[in-house]
């Protein structure tokens, strides 16, 4: 479910503040703007987390690819759900379930 650059801004309002950060990624809170579409179980107004991965800081993109493949194939209540992937020239943005606990 890869999309074109900047397409994420059409579907999500991403907040400026960070929920967390790591060596090559930051996680931000976002709100789904819609539209409802097949394969994405979100409704307008749903809160999600967006993991923004800076490709320039990733040593081995295979690690990122493997992480995405595992998330796509894992459906379990204790594992975050990957909703969408936005593969852009400089970064990958993964839209994931936001744990409200």
PDB file of N, CA and C in Angstrom:
ATOM      1  N   UNK A   1       0.831  -1.189   0.000  1.00  0.00           N
ATOM      2  CA  UNK A   1       0.000   0.000   0.000  1.00  0.00           C
ATOM      3  C   UNK A   1       0.875   1.253   0.000  1.00  0.00           C
ATOM      4  N   UNK A   2       1.816   1.304  -0.879  1.00  0.00           N
ATOM      5  CA  UNK A   2       2.679   2.479  -0.957  1.00  0.00           C
ATOM      6  C   UNK A   2       1.953   3.597  -1.691  1.00  0.00           C
ATOM      7  N   UNK A   3       2.240   4.816  -1.309  1.00  0.00           N
ATOM      8  CA  UNK A   3       1.600   5.973  -1.913  1.00  0.00           C
ATOM      9  C   UNK A   3       2.657   6.969  -2.357  1.00  0.00           C
ATOM     10  N   UNK A   4       2.231   7.962  -3.146  1.00  0.00           N
ATOM     11  CA  UNK A   4       3.161   8.972  -3.636  1.00  0.00           C
ATOM     12  C   UNK A   4       3.526   9.980  -2.567  1.00  0.00           C
ATOM     13  N   UNK A   5       4.628  10.702  -2.806  1.00  0.00           N
ATOM     14  CA  UNK A   5       5.111  11.721  -1.882  1.00  0.00           C
ATOM     15  C   UNK A   5       4.032  12.741  -1.569  1.00  0.00           C
ATOM     16  N   UNK A   6       3.989  13.159  -0.317  1.00  0.00           N
ATOM     17  CA  UNK A   6       3.060  14.173   0.190  1.00  0.00           C
ATOM     18  C   UNK A   6       1.614  13.682   0.238  1.00  0.00           C
ATOM     19  N   UNK A   7       1.360  12.471  -0.209  1.00  0.00           N
ATOM     20  CA  UNK A   7       0.007  11.940  -0.155  1.00  0.00           C
ATOM     21  C   UNK A   7      -0.462  11.788   1.282  1.00  0.00           C
ATOM     22  N   UNK A   8       0.471  11.577   2.195  1.00  0.00           N
ATOM     23  CA  UNK A   8       0.093  11.402   3.593  1.00  0.00           C
ATOM     24  C   UNK A   8      -0.609  12.645   4.133  1.00  0.00           C
ATOM     25  N   UNK A   9      -0.205  13.815   3.664  1.00  0.00           N
ATOM     26  CA  UNK A   9      -0.811  15.065   4.132  1.00  0.00           C
ATOM     27  C   UNK A   9      -2.263  15.208   3.667  1.00  0.00           C
ATOM     28  N   UNK A  10      -2.617  14.513   2.617  1.00  0.00           N
ATOM     29  CA  UNK A  10      -4.003  14.554   2.130  1.00  0.00           C
ATOM     30  C   UNK A  10      -4.925  13.733   3.026  1.00  0.00           C
ATOM     31  N   UNK A  11      -4.359  12.722   3.688  1.00  0.00           N
ATOM     32  CA  UNK A  11      -5.168  11.804   4.485  1.00  0.00           C
ATOM     33  C   UNK A  11      -5.017  11.973   5.993  1.00  0.00           C
ATOM     34  N   UNK A  12      -3.942  12.653   6.427  1.00  0.00           N
ATOM     35  CA  UNK A  12      -3.661  12.765   7.855  1.00  0.00           C
ATOM     36  C   UNK A  12      -3.218  14.182   8.218  1.00  0.00           C
ATOM     37  N   UNK A  13      -3.665  14.644   9.398  1.00  0.00           N
ATOM     38  CA  UNK A  13      -3.131  15.858  10.001  1.00  0.00           C
ATOM     39  C   UNK A  13      -2.082  15.398  11.002  1.00  0.00           C
ATOM     40  N   UNK A  14      -0.811  15.674  10.706  1.00  0.00           N
ATOM     41  CA  UNK A  14       0.284  15.234  11.570  1.00  0.00           C
ATOM     42  C   UNK A  14       0.673  16.383  12.494  1.00  0.00           C
ATOM     43  N   UNK A  15       0.703  16.101  13.793  1.00  0.00           N
ATOM     44  CA  UNK A  15       1.067  17.117  14.770  1.00  0.00           C
ATOM     45  C   UNK A  15       2.573  17.356  14.759  1.00  0.00           C
ATOM     46  N   UNK A  16       2.979  18.532  15.208  1.00  0.00           N
ATOM     47  CA  UNK A  16       4.402  18.896  15.217  1.00  0.00           C
ATOM     48  C   UNK A  16       5.168  18.183  16.334  1.00  0.00           C
ATOM     49  N   UNK A  17       4.515  18.014  17.480  1.00  0.00           N
ATOM     50  CA  UNK A  17       5.202  17.407  18.622  1.00  0.00           C
ATOM     51  C   UNK A  17       5.426  15.915  18.402  1.00  0.00           C
ATOM     52  N   UNK A  18       6.477  15.399  19.036  1.00  0.00           N
ATOM     53  CA  UNK A  18       6.847  13.999  18.881  1.00  0.00           C
ATOM     54  C   UNK A  18       6.326  13.159  20.034  1.00  0.00           C
ATOM     55  N   UNK A  19       5.884  11.951  19.712  1.00  0.00           N
ATOM     56  CA  UNK A  19       5.528  10.969  20.732  1.00  0.00           C
ATOM     57  C   UNK A  19       6.780  10.230  21.194  1.00  0.00           C
ATOM     58  N   UNK A  20       7.754  10.136  20.289  1.00  0.00           N
ATOM     59  CA  UNK A  20       8.997   9.437  20.601  1.00  0.00           C
ATOM     60  C   UNK A  20       9.983   9.578  19.468  1.00  0.00           C
ATOM     61  N   UNK A  21      11.220   9.151  19.714  1.00  0.00           N
ATOM     62  CA  UNK A  21      12.251   9.221  18.674  1.00  0.00           C
ATOM     63  C   UNK A  21      13.299   8.149  18.916  1.00  0.00           C
ATOM     64  N   UNK A  22      14.038   7.850  17.843  1.00  0.00           N
ATOM     65  CA  UNK A  22      15.113   6.865  17.910  1.00  0.00           C
ATOM     66  C   UNK A  22      16.268   7.320  17.043  1.00  0.00           C
ATOM     67  N   UNK A  23      17.144   6.393  16.690  1.00  0.00           N
ATOM     68  CA  UNK A  23      18.333   6.743  15.908  1.00  0.00           C
ATOM     69  C   UNK A  23      18.014   7.268  14.515  1.00  0.00           C
ATOM     70  N   UNK A  24      16.973   6.748  13.887  1.00  0.00           N
ATOM     71  CA  UNK A  24      16.683   7.151  12.508  1.00  0.00           C
ATOM     72  C   UNK A  24      15.208   7.455  12.270  1.00  0.00           C
ATOM     73  N   UNK A  25      14.417   7.580  13.333  1.00  0.00           N
ATOM     74  CA  UNK A  25      12.991   7.824  13.147  1.00  0.00           C
ATOM     75  C   UNK A  25      12.417   8.651  14.293  1.00  0.00           C
ATOM     76  N   UNK A  26      11.324   9.337  13.985  1.00  0.00           N
ATOM     77  CA  UNK A  26      10.519  10.008  15.006  1.00  0.00           C
ATOM     78  C   UNK A  26       9.091   9.508  14.848  1.00  0.00           C
ATOM     79  N   UNK A  27       8.338   9.556  15.936  1.00  0.00           N
ATOM     80  CA  UNK A  27       6.940   9.139  15.913  1.00  0.00           C
ATOM     81  C   UNK A  27       6.092  10.322  16.334  1.00  0.00           C
ATOM     82  N   UNK A  28       5.081  10.617  15.517  1.00  0.00           N
ATOM     83  CA  UNK A  28       4.205  11.754  15.780  1.00  0.00           C
ATOM     84  C   UNK A  28       2.753  11.308  15.795  1.00  0.00           C
ATOM     85  N   UNK A  29       1.946  12.031  16.557  1.00  0.00           N
ATOM     86  CA  UNK A  29       0.518  11.794  16.595  1.00  0.00           C
ATOM     87  C   UNK A  29      -0.121  12.397  15.352  1.00  0.00           C
ATOM     88  N   UNK A  30      -1.097  11.705  14.811  1.00  0.00           N
ATOM     89  CA  UNK A  30      -1.798  12.205  13.628  1.00  0.00           C
ATOM     90  C   UNK A  30      -3.278  11.866  13.736  1.00  0.00           C
ATOM     91  N   UNK A  31      -4.082  12.634  13.005  1.00  0.00           N
ATOM     92  CA  UNK A  31      -5.520  12.399  12.941  1.00  0.00           C
ATOM     93  C   UNK A  31      -5.893  12.063  11.502  1.00  0.00           C
ATOM     94  N   UNK A  32      -6.652  10.979  11.342  1.00  0.00           N
ATOM     95  CA  UNK A  32      -7.073  10.557  10.006  1.00  0.00           C
ATOM     96  C   UNK A  32      -8.166  11.491   9.496  1.00  0.00           C
ATOM     97  N   UNK A  33      -7.959  12.056   8.303  1.00  0.00           N
ATOM     98  CA  UNK A  33      -8.929  12.978   7.703  1.00  0.00           C
ATOM     99  C   UNK A  33      -9.907  12.270   6.776  1.00  0.00           C
ATOM    100  N   UNK A  34      -9.590  11.032   6.419  1.00  0.00           N
ATOM    101  CA  UNK A  34     -10.432  10.321   5.468  1.00  0.00           C
ATOM    102  C   UNK A  34      -9.803  10.389   4.087  1.00  0.00           C
ATOM    103  N   UNK A  35     -10.422   9.884   3.091  1.00  0.00           N
ATOM    104  CA  UNK A  35     -11.722   9.219   3.090  1.00  0.00           C
ATOM    105  C   UNK A  35     -11.582   7.780   3.559  1.00  0.00           C
ATOM    106  N   UNK A  36     -12.704   7.173   3.928  1.00  0.00           N
ATOM    107  CA  UNK A  36     -12.664   5.758   4.266  1.00  0.00           C
ATOM    108  C   UNK A  36     -12.353   4.996   2.987  1.00  0.00           C
ATOM    109  N   UNK A  37     -11.426   4.041   3.097  1.00  0.00           N
ATOM    110  CA  UNK A  37     -11.030   3.275   1.914  1.00  0.00           C
ATOM    111  C   UNK A  37     -10.787   1.825   2.292  1.00  0.00           C
ATOM    112  N   UNK A  38     -10.914   0.965   1.323  1.00  0.00           N
ATOM    113  CA  UNK A  38     -10.758  -0.458   1.589  1.00  0.00           C
ATOM    114  C   UNK A  38      -9.323  -0.759   2.001  1.00  0.00           C
ATOM    115  N   UNK A  39      -9.171  -1.659   2.936  1.00  0.00           N
ATOM    116  CA  UNK A  39      -7.848  -2.043   3.401  1.00  0.00           C
ATOM    117  C   UNK A  39      -7.328  -1.183   4.538  1.00  0.00           C
ATOM    118  N   UNK A  40      -7.979  -0.060   4.822  1.00  0.00           N
ATOM    119  CA  UNK A  40      -7.559   0.816   5.917  1.00  0.00           C
ATOM    120  C   UNK A  40      -8.752   0.961   6.866  1.00  0.00           C
ATOM    121  N   UNK A  41      -8.696   0.267   8.023  1.00  0.00           N
ATOM    122  CA  UNK A  41      -9.850   0.263   8.936  1.00  0.00           C
ATOM    123  C   UNK A  41      -9.915   1.505   9.824  1.00  0.00           C
ATOM    124  N   UNK A  42      -9.865   2.676   9.209  1.00  0.00           N
ATOM    125  CA  UNK A  42      -9.891   3.931   9.958  1.00  0.00           C
ATOM    126  C   UNK A  42     -11.099   4.755   9.556  1.00  0.00           C
ATOM    127  N   UNK A  43     -11.602   5.517  10.515  1.00  0.00           N
ATOM    128  CA  UNK A  43     -12.695   6.454  10.256  1.00  0.00           C
ATOM    129  C   UNK A  43     -12.178   7.860  10.484  1.00  0.00           C
ATOM    130  N   UNK A  44     -12.789   8.828   9.848  1.00  0.00           N
ATOM    131  CA  UNK A  44     -12.406  10.223  10.004  1.00  0.00           C
ATOM    132  C   UNK A  44     -12.358  10.582  11.487  1.00  0.00           C
ATOM    133  N   UNK A  45     -11.259  11.197  11.904  1.00  0.00           N
ATOM    134  CA  UNK A  45     -11.091  11.599  13.293  1.00  0.00           C
ATOM    135  C   UNK A  45     -10.306  10.613  14.140  1.00  0.00           C
ATOM    136  N   UNK A  46     -10.056   9.406  13.621  1.00  0.00           N
ATOM    137  CA  UNK A  46      -9.273   8.418  14.375  1.00  0.00           C
ATOM    138  C   UNK A  46      -7.849   8.913  14.584  1.00  0.00           C
ATOM    139  N   UNK A  47      -7.317   8.662  15.770  1.00  0.00           N
ATOM    140  CA  UNK A  47      -5.936   9.026  16.103  1.00  0.00           C
ATOM    141  C   UNK A  47      -5.020   7.852  15.783  1.00  0.00           C
ATOM    142  N   UNK A  48      -3.897   8.160  15.159  1.00  0.00           N
ATOM    143  CA  UNK A  48      -2.901   7.149  14.818  1.00  0.00           C
ATOM    144  C   UNK A  48      -1.519   7.706  15.151  1.00  0.00           C
ATOM    145  N   UNK A  49      -0.526   6.854  15.070  1.00  0.00           N
ATOM    146  CA  UNK A  49       0.859   7.288  15.188  1.00  0.00           C
ATOM    147  C   UNK A  49       1.506   7.151  13.812  1.00  0.00           C
ATOM    148  N   UNK A  50       2.361   8.103  13.473  1.00  0.00           N
ATOM    149  CA  UNK A  50       3.087   8.059  12.206  1.00  0.00           C
ATOM    150  C   UNK A  50       4.574   7.972  12.522  1.00  0.00           C
ATOM    151  N   UNK A  51       5.190   6.865  12.118  1.00  0.00           N
ATOM    152  CA  UNK A  51       6.626   6.679  12.306  1.00  0.00           C
ATOM    153  C   UNK A  51       7.315   7.191  11.052  1.00  0.00           C
ATOM    154  N   UNK A  52       8.083   8.270  11.203  1.00  0.00           N
ATOM    155  CA  UNK A  52       8.773   8.904  10.078  1.00  0.00           C
ATOM    156  C   UNK A  52      10.240   8.465  10.097  1.00  0.00           C
ATOM    157  N   UNK A  53      10.603   7.645   9.123  1.00  0.00           N
ATOM    158  CA  UNK A  53      11.948   7.077   9.043  1.00  0.00           C
ATOM    159  C   UNK A  53      12.774   7.876   8.050  1.00  0.00           C
ATOM    160  N   UNK A  54      13.891   8.432   8.509  1.00  0.00           N
ATOM    161  CA  UNK A  54      14.799   9.209   7.661  1.00  0.00           C
ATOM    162  C   UNK A  54      15.732   8.247   6.934  1.00  0.00           C
ATOM    163  N   UNK A  55      15.529   8.092   5.627  1.00  0.00           N
ATOM    164  CA  UNK A  55      16.315   7.132   4.850  1.00  0.00           C
ATOM    165  C   UNK A  55      17.813   7.417   4.898  1.00  0.00           C
ATOM    166  N   UNK A  56      18.193   8.698   5.018  1.00  0.00           N
ATOM    167  CA  UNK A  56      19.617   9.064   5.037  1.00  0.00           C
ATOM    168  C   UNK A  56      20.313   8.535   6.291  1.00  0.00           C
ATOM    169  N   UNK A  57      19.567   8.287   7.353  1.00  0.00           N
ATOM    170  CA  UNK A  57      20.156   7.829   8.610  1.00  0.00           C
ATOM    171  C   UNK A  57      20.131   6.312   8.764  1.00  0.00           C
ATOM    172  N   UNK A  58      19.491   5.621   7.833  1.00  0.00           N
ATOM    173  CA  UNK A  58      19.381   4.158   7.909  1.00  0.00           C
ATOM    174  C   UNK A  58      20.581   3.534   7.218  1.00  0.00           C
ATOM    175  N   UNK A  59      21.318   2.687   7.957  1.00  0.00           N
ATOM    176  CA  UNK A  59      22.493   2.038   7.378  1.00  0.00           C
ATOM    177  C   UNK A  59      22.111   0.946   6.383  1.00  0.00           C
ATOM    178  N   UNK A  60      21.089   0.168   6.717  1.00  0.00           N
ATOM    179  CA  UNK A  60      20.684  -0.955   5.876  1.00  0.00           C
ATOM    180  C   UNK A  60      19.166  -0.929   5.697  1.00  0.00           C
ATOM    181  N   UNK A  61      18.715  -0.525   4.517  1.00  0.00           N
ATOM    182  CA  UNK A  61      17.272  -0.438   4.261  1.00  0.00           C
ATOM    183  C   UNK A  61      16.599  -1.807   4.342  1.00  0.00           C
ATOM    184  N   UNK A  62      17.382  -2.882   4.210  1.00  0.00           N
ATOM    185  CA  UNK A  62      16.800  -4.218   4.350  1.00  0.00           C
ATOM    186  C   UNK A  62      16.204  -4.409   5.744  1.00  0.00           C
ATOM    187  N   UNK A  63      16.815  -3.767   6.754  1.00  0.00           N
ATOM    188  CA  UNK A  63      16.274  -3.854   8.113  1.00  0.00           C
ATOM    189  C   UNK A  63      14.883  -3.236   8.172  1.00  0.00           C
ATOM    190  N   UNK A  64      14.701  -2.102   7.499  1.00  0.00           N
ATOM    191  CA  UNK A  64      13.402  -1.422   7.477  1.00  0.00           C
ATOM    192  C   UNK A  64      12.392  -2.259   6.698  1.00  0.00           C
ATOM    193  N   UNK A  65      12.820  -2.785   5.567  1.00  0.00           N
ATOM    194  CA  UNK A  65      11.950  -3.632   4.748  1.00  0.00           C
ATOM    195  C   UNK A  65      11.483  -4.843   5.543  1.00  0.00           C
ATOM    196  N   UNK A  66      12.408  -5.461   6.271  1.00  0.00           N
ATOM    197  CA  UNK A  66      12.072  -6.638   7.075  1.00  0.00           C
ATOM    198  C   UNK A  66      11.074  -6.267   8.180  1.00  0.00           C
ATOM    199  N   UNK A  67      11.295  -5.134   8.847  1.00  0.00           N
ATOM    200  CA  UNK A  67      10.377  -4.685   9.894  1.00  0.00           C
ATOM    201  C   UNK A  67       8.968  -4.488   9.333  1.00  0.00           C
ATOM    202  N   UNK A  68       8.884  -3.854   8.156  1.00  0.00           N
ATOM    203  CA  UNK A  68       7.582  -3.610   7.524  1.00  0.00           C
ATOM    204  C   UNK A  68       6.915  -4.928   7.166  1.00  0.00           C
ATOM    205  N   UNK A  69       7.672  -5.864   6.603  1.00  0.00           N
ATOM    206  CA  UNK A  69       7.103  -7.165   6.222  1.00  0.00           C
ATOM    207  C   UNK A  69       6.571  -7.907   7.446  1.00  0.00           C
ATOM    208  N   UNK A  70       7.306  -7.855   8.546  1.00  0.00           N
ATOM    209  CA  UNK A  70       6.856  -8.520   9.775  1.00  0.00           C
ATOM    210  C   UNK A  70       5.572  -7.870  10.276  1.00  0.00           C
ATOM    211  N   UNK A  71       5.526  -6.544  10.271  1.00  0.00           N
ATOM    212  CA  UNK A  71       4.331  -5.840  10.744  1.00  0.00           C
ATOM    213  C   UNK A  71       3.125  -6.137   9.854  1.00  0.00           C
ATOM    214  N   UNK A  72       3.349  -6.237   8.541  1.00  0.00           N
ATOM    215  CA  UNK A  72       2.252  -6.526   7.616  1.00  0.00           C
ATOM    216  C   UNK A  72       1.682  -7.918   7.835  1.00  0.00           C
ATOM    217  N   UNK A  73       2.525  -8.841   8.273  1.00  0.00           N
ATOM    218  CA  UNK A  73       2.106 -10.236   8.403  1.00  0.00           C
ATOM    219  C   UNK A  73       1.737 -10.641   9.826  1.00  0.00           C
ATOM    220  N   UNK A  74       1.808  -9.713  10.767  1.00  0.00           N
ATOM    221  CA  UNK A  74       1.514 -10.026  12.160  1.00  0.00           C
ATOM    222  C   UNK A  74       0.212  -9.367  12.574  1.00  0.00           C
ATOM    223  N   UNK A  75      -0.734 -10.169  12.972  1.00  0.00           N
ATOM    224  CA  UNK A  75      -2.020  -9.680  13.474  1.00  0.00           C
ATOM    225  C   UNK A  75      -2.195 -10.239  14.884  1.00  0.00           C
ATOM    226  N   UNK A  76      -1.966  -9.413  15.886  1.00  0.00           N
ATOM    227  CA  UNK A  76      -2.063  -9.844  17.271  1.00  0.00           C
ATOM    228  C   UNK A  76      -2.403  -8.644  18.138  1.00  0.00           C
ATOM    229  N   UNK A  77      -3.244  -8.811  19.164  1.00  0.00           N
ATOM    230  CA  UNK A  77      -3.648  -7.660  19.987  1.00  0.00           C
ATOM    231  C   UNK A  77      -2.498  -6.981  20.727  1.00  0.00           C
ATOM    232  N   UNK A  78      -1.378  -7.668  20.925  1.00  0.00           N
ATOM    233  CA  UNK A  78      -0.241  -7.079  21.639  1.00  0.00           C
ATOM    234  C   UNK A  78       0.835  -6.521  20.713  1.00  0.00           C
ATOM    235  N   UNK A  79       0.557  -6.513  19.410  1.00  0.00           N
ATOM    236  CA  UNK A  79       1.506  -5.984  18.417  1.00  0.00           C
ATOM    237  C   UNK A  79       0.816  -4.853  17.659  1.00  0.00           C
ATOM    238  N   UNK A  80       1.513  -3.726  17.487  1.00  0.00           N
ATOM    239  CA  UNK A  80       0.887  -2.601  16.779  1.00  0.00           C
ATOM    240  C   UNK A  80       0.517  -3.002  15.357  1.00  0.00           C
ATOM    241  N   UNK A  81      -0.538  -2.398  14.858  1.00  0.00           N
ATOM    242  CA  UNK A  81      -1.046  -2.682  13.518  1.00  0.00           C
ATOM    243  C   UNK A  81      -0.521  -1.636  12.543  1.00  0.00           C
ATOM    244  N   UNK A  82       0.031  -2.095  11.438  1.00  0.00           N
ATOM    245  CA  UNK A  82       0.489  -1.212  10.371  1.00  0.00           C
ATOM    246  C   UNK A  82      -0.667  -0.987   9.413  1.00  0.00           C
ATOM    247  N   UNK A  83      -1.122   0.275   9.304  1.00  0.00           N
ATOM    248  CA  UNK A  83      -2.257   0.596   8.436  1.00  0.00           C
ATOM    249  C   UNK A  83      -1.829   0.962   7.021  1.00  0.00           C
ATOM    250  N   UNK A  84      -0.834   1.832   6.907  1.00  0.00           N
ATOM    251  CA  UNK A  84      -0.408   2.311   5.584  1.00  0.00           C
ATOM    252  C   UNK A  84       1.079   2.616   5.583  1.00  0.00           C
ATOM    253  N   UNK A  85       1.664   2.587   4.380  1.00  0.00           N
ATOM    254  CA  UNK A  85       3.072   2.934   4.176  1.00  0.00           C
ATOM    255  C   UNK A  85       3.138   4.010   3.103  1.00  0.00           C
ATOM    256  N   UNK A  86       3.845   5.080   3.407  1.00  0.00           N
ATOM    257  CA  UNK A  86       4.084   6.143   2.433  1.00  0.00           C
ATOM    258  C   UNK A  86       5.590   6.175   2.182  1.00  0.00           C
ATOM    259  N   UNK A  87       6.004   5.630   1.051  1.00  0.00           N
ATOM    260  CA  UNK A  87       7.422   5.560   0.695  1.00  0.00           C
ATOM    261  C   UNK A  87       7.753   6.773  -0.164  1.00  0.00           C
ATOM    262  N   UNK A  88       8.469   7.721   0.428  1.00  0.00           N
ATOM    263  CA  UNK A  88       8.818   8.970  -0.235  1.00  0.00           C
ATOM    264  C   UNK A  88      10.309   8.978  -0.544  1.00  0.00           C
ATOM    265  N   UNK A  89      10.779   9.905  -1.375  1.00  0.00           N
ATOM    266  CA  UNK A  89      12.199   9.902  -1.741  1.00  0.00           C
ATOM    267  C   UNK A  89      13.167   9.964  -0.546  1.00  0.00           C
ATOM    268  N   UNK A  90      12.862  10.782   0.464  1.00  0.00           N
ATOM    269  CA  UNK A  90      13.792  10.958   1.577  1.00  0.00           C
ATOM    270  C   UNK A  90      13.388  10.229   2.852  1.00  0.00           C
ATOM    271  N   UNK A  91      12.150   9.777   2.899  1.00  0.00           N
ATOM    272  CA  UNK A  91      11.725   9.082   4.112  1.00  0.00           C
ATOM    273  C   UNK A  91      10.581   8.122   3.826  1.00  0.00           C
ATOM    274  N   UNK A  92      10.406   7.205   4.767  1.00  0.00           N
ATOM    275  CA  UNK A  92       9.276   6.292   4.756  1.00  0.00           C
ATOM    276  C   UNK A  92       8.418   6.687   5.946  1.00  0.00           C
ATOM    277  N   UNK A  93       7.119   6.780   5.739  1.00  0.00           N
ATOM    278  CA  UNK A  93       6.211   7.108   6.823  1.00  0.00           C
ATOM    279  C   UNK A  93       5.231   5.952   6.999  1.00  0.00           C
ATOM    280  N   UNK A  94       5.289   5.330   8.160  1.00  0.00           N
ATOM    281  CA  UNK A  94       4.413   4.210   8.472  1.00  0.00           C
ATOM    282  C   UNK A  94       3.303   4.685   9.398  1.00  0.00           C
ATOM    283  N   UNK A  95       2.080   4.455   9.004  1.00  0.00           N
ATOM    284  CA  UNK A  95       0.932   4.802   9.830  1.00  0.00           C
ATOM    285  C   UNK A  95       0.573   3.566  10.641  1.00  0.00           C
ATOM    286  N   UNK A  96       0.632   3.694  11.964  1.00  0.00           N
ATOM    287  CA  UNK A  96       0.398   2.552  12.839  1.00  0.00           C
ATOM    288  C   UNK A  96      -0.662   2.875  13.879  1.00  0.00           C
ATOM    289  N   UNK A  97      -1.180   1.824  14.480  1.00  0.00           N
ATOM    290  CA  UNK A  97      -2.152   1.962  15.559  1.00  0.00           C
ATOM    291  C   UNK A  97      -1.508   2.705  16.726  1.00  0.00           C
ATOM    292  N   UNK A  98      -2.268   3.604  17.315  1.00  0.00           N
ATOM    293  CA  UNK A  98      -1.764   4.330  18.481  1.00  0.00           C
ATOM    294  C   UNK A  98      -2.341   3.683  19.727  1.00  0.00           C
ATOM    295  N   UNK A  99      -1.479   3.192  20.598  1.00  0.00           N
ATOM    296  CA  UNK A  99      -1.925   2.572  21.844  1.00  0.00           C
ATOM    297  C   UNK A  99      -2.389   3.672  22.786  1.00  0.00           C
ATOM    298  N   UNK A 100      -3.650   3.645  23.164  1.00  0.00           N
ATOM    299  CA  UNK A 100      -4.222   4.702  23.987  1.00  0.00           C
ATOM    300  C   UNK A 100      -4.054   4.446  25.477  1.00  0.00           C
ATOM    301  N   UNK A 101      -3.377   3.386  25.867  1.00  0.00           N
ATOM    302  CA  UNK A 101      -3.194   3.055  27.296  1.00  0.00           C
ATOM    303  C   UNK A 101      -2.176   3.957  27.937  1.00  0.00           C
TER     304      UNK A 101
END
